[in-house]
Amino acid sequence: MSNLILLIILWSFLECAYKKIPIYEEFITGVKEGMNYLMILFPSLMLLTLWVNLFLSSGFISLIGTFFIRFFSIPLDLLLMAFTRPISSQTSLIILKRIYDHYGIDHLYSLMGSILQTGSDTTLYVVSLYYGSIHLKKYSYTLWLGFFLDFLSFVFMLCFYYLGMIS
């Protein structure tokens, strides 16, 4: 695979030399355009990072978790996944890996975590990145729809659990 990538890079250099394209100037132009996009997207991504850190350190999860464990009798990690998945994909993947390591891949809780991971999306990331890049301010319907679909994947996970559709 690395030889293939090396051949592609070599081929692109040879093609640029043949067509007399100034490689360095094109590279600098691309970097300048990338920096412009970074300056547009940076505030949205910085705000998203701040919200993720505030949410995870607020203690809200442990407060809800005590009620959740008594009512649904499933692990707190699944609730944590349900709350963090709309915010951060990497955090929910780390929690899913922890579920896999603790219970095993074929366990019921691992299957429930997989349903939750694949059935929901990083709603806040998608809204802040895509709407921030085109400077669109009216995103409330998209946000509510994204949160509703995330909630729906959580409900489906619980329905599959209680109706015995996964085992």
Foldseek 3Di string as FASTA:
>chain_A
DVVVVVVVVVVVVVVCVVVVPDPVVVVVVVVVVVVVLCVLQVVLVVVLVVVLVCVVPVCPLVVVQVVCCVPQVDDSLLVVLLVCFLRDLVVLVVSLVVVCVVPNCQDLVNVLSVLLSVQAHNQSVCCSRVCSSVVHDPCVVSSVVRNVSSVVSNVVSSCCVVVVVGD
